[in-house]
Amino acid sequence: MVATRERYVGALERAGAEVVIVEPGSTLPEDVDGLCISGGGDIAPERYGVSDDASVCENVQPVRDALEIDAVRRAMGRDLPVLGVCRGFQVINVARGGKLVLDIKGHRPLGDEVVSHEVTPAAGSRLARACGEQPIRVNSRHHQAVTKAELASALRPTAFVDDLVEAFESDGHRWVVGVQWHPERTNEVDDAAVRIFAAFVAEASRSPIRA
């Protein structure tokens, strides 16, 4: 877990951020410029009105769910930039009223292998402005997912793999982007994918609290 956290901290600091870590049980501080929600375990399915009858959910932490869903709602209420990565992508969707597919096959590694695929950012999207409109290689480390049917109505899909939504954004906010892949794992993705951190930090630097 420490190594995982350090990947996110390193990626954000290389993009120019001063990182404040918020632990479960606390609340989003008032003096932050943006919010990045990282990867991790599954969100409790009761948070989005689904029953896990097959017991497929893993590493559910209700206290973390409560922190992050509340943090997303607070940040979006203040119109702060929000970046969601993998689980964070799913947290944003749930916080906005969406749901998740509880289990899919073939989208996470077994052992040391890297599962990867190409995505093409939608033209004109915030993702495309950050990473370009060309296809980019990204990694895949998730077993839960979002399709158009589960996507919150307030979010717009901006990248797909088959019928799975791999990225989205909110048109009703200044800068809210979710990606289902892990750009902090820089050795597993194209350089273009990593640029989402720079775009997030650049937008956070324009937040009213900093001004």
Protein backbone atom coordinates (compact mmCIF):
# COMPACT_ATOMS: atom_id res chain seq x y z
CA MET A 1 0.00 0.00 0.00
CA VAL A 2 2.89 2.38 0.77
CA ALA A 3 4.41 1.76 -2.67
CA THR A 4 1.02 2.32 -4.30
CA ARG A 5 0.56 5.62 -2.48
CA GLU A 6 4.05 6.75 -3.41
CA ARG A 7 3.30 6.24 -7.10
CA TYR A 8 0.42 8.72 -6.89
CA VAL A 9 2.34 11.19 -4.75
CA GLY A 10 5.30 11.00 -7.12
CA ALA A 11 3.16 11.50 -10.22
CA LEU A 12 1.42 14.53 -8.70
CA GLU A 13 4.61 16.07 -7.37
CA ARG A 14 6.35 15.67 -10.74
CA ALA A 15 3.40 17.58 -12.21
CA GLY A 16 4.04 20.40 -9.71
CA ALA A 17 1.52 19.63 -6.96
CA GLU A 18 1.96 19.99 -3.24
CA VAL A 19 0.20 16.82 -2.06
CA VAL A 20 -2.02 16.67 1.03
CA ILE A 21 -3.04 13.11 1.97
CA VAL A 22 -6.53 12.74 3.45
CA GLU A 23 -7.06 9.59 5.53
CA PRO A 24 -10.34 7.68 6.06
CA GLY A 25 -12.28 9.11 8.98
CA SER A 26 -11.42 12.72 8.11
CA THR A 27 -13.00 15.20 5.70
CA LEU A 28 -11.79 17.15 2.70
CA PRO A 29 -9.84 20.22 3.93
CA GLU A 30 -11.18 23.64 2.97
CA ASP A 31 -7.83 24.92 1.72
CA VAL A 32 -7.10 22.52 -1.13
CA ASP A 33 -7.07 23.45 -4.81
CA GLY A 34 -8.16 20.11 -6.27
CA LEU A 35 -9.00 16.50 -5.45
CA CYS A 36 -7.39 13.31 -6.80
CA ILE A 37 -9.07 10.02 -5.89
CA SER A 38 -6.71 7.06 -6.29
CA GLY A 39 -7.16 3.37 -7.03
CA GLY A 40 -7.92 0.71 -4.46
CA GLY A 41 -10.51 -1.87 -3.43
CA ASP A 42 -14.15 -2.17 -4.42
CA ILE A 43 -16.88 0.24 -3.40
CA ALA A 44 -19.59 -1.31 -1.21
CA PRO A 45 -22.38 -2.21 -3.68
CA GLU A 46 -25.10 -0.96 -1.33
CA ARG A 47 -23.70 2.52 -2.03
CA TYR A 48 -25.24 2.29 -5.49
CA GLY A 49 -28.21 0.04 -4.75
CA VAL A 50 -26.86 -3.31 -5.97
CA SER A 51 -26.72 -6.64 -4.12
CA ASP A 52 -23.50 -8.68 -4.29
CA ASP A 53 -25.26 -12.05 -4.35
CA ALA A 54 -22.23 -13.84 -5.86
CA SER A 55 -19.80 -12.32 -3.31
CA VAL A 56 -17.47 -10.93 -5.97
CA CYS A 57 -16.60 -7.63 -4.27
CA GLU A 58 -13.11 -7.43 -2.80
CA ASN A 59 -11.34 -5.29 -0.18
CA VAL A 60 -14.41 -3.20 0.61
CA GLN A 61 -13.67 -0.41 3.12
CA PRO A 62 -16.87 1.42 4.10
CA VAL A 63 -14.98 4.18 5.92
CA ARG A 64 -12.97 4.93 2.79
CA ASP A 65 -16.14 4.86 0.69
CA ALA A 66 -17.72 7.43 3.00
CA LEU A 67 -14.67 9.72 2.89
CA GLU A 68 -14.21 9.65 -0.87
CA ILE A 69 -17.85 9.93 -1.92
CA ASP A 70 -18.29 12.86 0.47
CA ALA A 71 -15.02 14.42 -0.75
CA VAL A 72 -16.11 14.20 -4.40
CA ARG A 73 -19.45 15.82 -3.62
CA ARG A 74 -17.80 18.59 -1.59
CA ALA A 75 -15.15 19.24 -4.23
CA MET A 76 -17.67 19.34 -7.07
CA GLY A 77 -19.93 21.54 -4.98
CA ARG A 78 -17.01 23.99 -4.72
CA ASP A 79 -16.21 23.48 -8.43
CA LEU A 80 -12.68 22.29 -7.67
CA PRO A 81 -10.85 20.19 -10.27
CA VAL A 82 -11.33 16.46 -9.61
CA LEU A 83 -9.33 13.57 -11.08
CA GLY A 84 -10.44 9.99 -10.46
CA VAL A 85 -8.10 7.07 -11.20
CA CYS A 86 -9.48 3.50 -11.49
CA ARG A 87 -11.39 3.16 -8.20
CA GLY A 88 -11.49 6.96 -8.15
CA PHE A 89 -13.17 6.88 -11.59
CA GLN A 90 -15.78 4.55 -10.08
CA VAL A 91 -16.16 6.70 -6.95
CA ILE A 92 -17.00 9.76 -9.05
CA ASN A 93 -19.59 7.78 -10.99
CA VAL A 94 -21.22 6.47 -7.79
CA ALA A 95 -21.10 9.91 -6.15
CA ARG A 96 -23.00 11.30 -9.15
CA GLY A 97 -25.67 8.60 -9.00
CA GLY A 98 -24.20 5.95 -11.30
CA LYS A 99 -23.67 2.23 -10.74
CA LEU A 100 -21.00 -0.40 -11.46
CA VAL A 101 -20.81 -3.76 -13.18
CA LEU A 102 -19.77 -5.99 -10.26
CA ASP A 103 -17.37 -8.29 -12.09
CA ILE A 104 -15.82 -8.54 -15.55
CA LYS A 105 -13.13 -10.86 -16.88
CA GLY A 106 -9.86 -10.13 -18.61
CA HIS A 107 -9.22 -6.61 -17.36
CA ARG A 108 -6.69 -7.18 -14.61
CA PRO A 109 -3.34 -8.95 -14.51
CA LEU A 110 -2.54 -12.36 -13.13
CA GLY A 111 0.83 -12.26 -11.41
CA ASP A 112 3.34 -9.89 -12.98
CA GLU A 113 1.75 -9.60 -16.42
CA VAL A 114 0.52 -6.24 -17.71
CA VAL A 115 -2.92 -6.13 -19.30
CA SER A 116 -3.10 -3.26 -21.77
CA HIS A 117 -5.27 -1.91 -24.57
CA GLU A 118 -5.65 1.22 -26.66
CA VAL A 119 -8.12 4.03 -26.07
CA THR A 120 -8.83 7.03 -28.27
CA PRO A 121 -9.84 10.21 -26.40
CA ALA A 122 -12.95 11.89 -27.79
CA ALA A 123 -12.11 14.93 -29.91
CA GLY A 124 -12.41 18.19 -28.00
CA SER A 125 -12.66 16.50 -24.59
CA ARG A 126 -10.59 17.49 -21.57
CA LEU A 127 -8.90 14.10 -21.86
CA ALA A 128 -7.94 14.85 -25.46
CA ARG A 129 -6.66 18.31 -24.54
CA ALA A 130 -4.46 16.69 -21.89
CA CYS A 131 -3.32 13.55 -23.71
CA GLY A 132 -3.98 14.20 -27.39
CA GLU A 133 -6.58 12.76 -29.75
CA GLN A 134 -4.40 9.90 -30.98
CA PRO A 135 -4.83 6.32 -29.68
CA ILE A 136 -2.85 5.75 -26.49
CA ARG A 137 -1.79 2.54 -24.77
CA VAL A 138 -3.14 2.24 -21.24
CA ASN A 139 -3.11 -0.49 -18.61
CA SER A 140 -6.00 -2.36 -17.03
CA ARG A 141 -6.15 -3.35 -13.35
CA HIS A 142 -9.84 -3.56 -12.51
CA HIS A 143 -12.55 -6.21 -12.28
CA GLN A 144 -15.48 -3.83 -11.91
CA ALA A 145 -16.53 -1.46 -14.65
CA VAL A 146 -18.93 1.09 -16.09
CA THR A 147 -20.92 0.82 -19.31
CA LYS A 148 -23.24 3.48 -20.71
CA ALA A 149 -26.05 1.83 -18.75
CA GLU A 150 -24.25 2.36 -15.42
CA LEU A 151 -22.79 5.78 -16.20
CA ALA A 152 -24.27 8.66 -14.20
CA SER A 153 -26.44 10.85 -16.40
CA ALA A 154 -24.41 13.93 -15.42
CA LEU A 155 -21.20 12.43 -16.87
CA ARG A 156 -20.14 12.21 -20.53
CA PRO A 157 -18.05 9.26 -21.78
CA THR A 158 -14.82 10.26 -23.54
CA ALA A 159 -13.08 6.91 -24.16
CA PHE A 160 -14.17 3.30 -24.56
CA VAL A 161 -12.81 -0.23 -24.73
CA ASP A 162 -15.53 -2.20 -26.50
CA ASP A 163 -18.69 -1.36 -24.51
CA LEU A 164 -16.85 -0.32 -21.34
CA VAL A 165 -16.50 3.37 -20.51
CA GLU A 166 -12.79 3.99 -19.88
CA ALA A 167 -12.93 7.75 -19.31
CA PHE A 168 -15.55 10.41 -18.66
CA GLU A 169 -15.92 14.04 -17.69
CA SER A 170 -18.55 16.39 -16.32
CA ASP A 171 -19.73 19.15 -18.63
CA GLY A 172 -21.37 20.89 -15.68
CA HIS A 173 -18.12 21.54 -13.82
CA ARG A 174 -14.88 23.35 -14.52
CA TRP A 175 -12.69 20.22 -14.67
CA VAL A 176 -13.82 16.74 -13.60
CA VAL A 177 -12.18 13.77 -15.33
CA GLY A 178 -12.19 10.07 -14.52
CA VAL A 179 -9.94 7.43 -16.12
CA GLN A 180 -10.31 3.71 -15.54
CA TRP A 181 -6.60 3.04 -16.10
CA HIS A 182 -3.56 3.77 -13.89
CA PRO A 183 -1.43 6.60 -15.35
CA GLU A 184 0.69 6.68 -12.18
CA ARG A 185 2.20 3.35 -13.32
CA THR A 186 4.31 5.14 -15.89
CA ASN A 187 6.08 2.01 -17.14
CA GLU A 188 2.76 0.45 -18.17
CA VAL A 189 1.22 3.30 -20.21
CA ASP A 190 2.22 5.62 -23.04
CA ASP A 191 3.79 8.92 -22.03
CA ALA A 192 0.71 10.72 -23.33
CA ALA A 193 -1.47 9.00 -20.71
CA VAL A 194 0.66 10.38 -17.88
CA ARG A 195 -0.05 13.95 -18.99
CA ILE A 196 -3.46 13.80 -17.31
CA PHE A 197 -1.70 14.61 -14.02
CA ALA A 198 -0.14 17.77 -15.47
CA ALA A 199 -3.52 18.87 -16.81
CA PHE A 200 -5.14 18.29 -13.42
CA VAL A 201 -2.44 20.17 -11.52
CA ALA A 202 -2.49 23.05 -14.02
CA GLU A 203 -6.24 23.42 -13.55
CA ALA A 204 -5.93 23.14 -9.75
CA SER A 205 -3.40 25.99 -9.79
CA ARG A 206 -6.20 28.22 -11.09
CA SER A 207 -8.56 27.40 -8.20
CA PRO A 208 -10.11 30.34 -6.30
CA ILE A 209 -8.48 29.29 -3.00
CA ARG A 210 -5.03 29.76 -4.55
CA ALA A 211 -5.97 33.05 -6.19
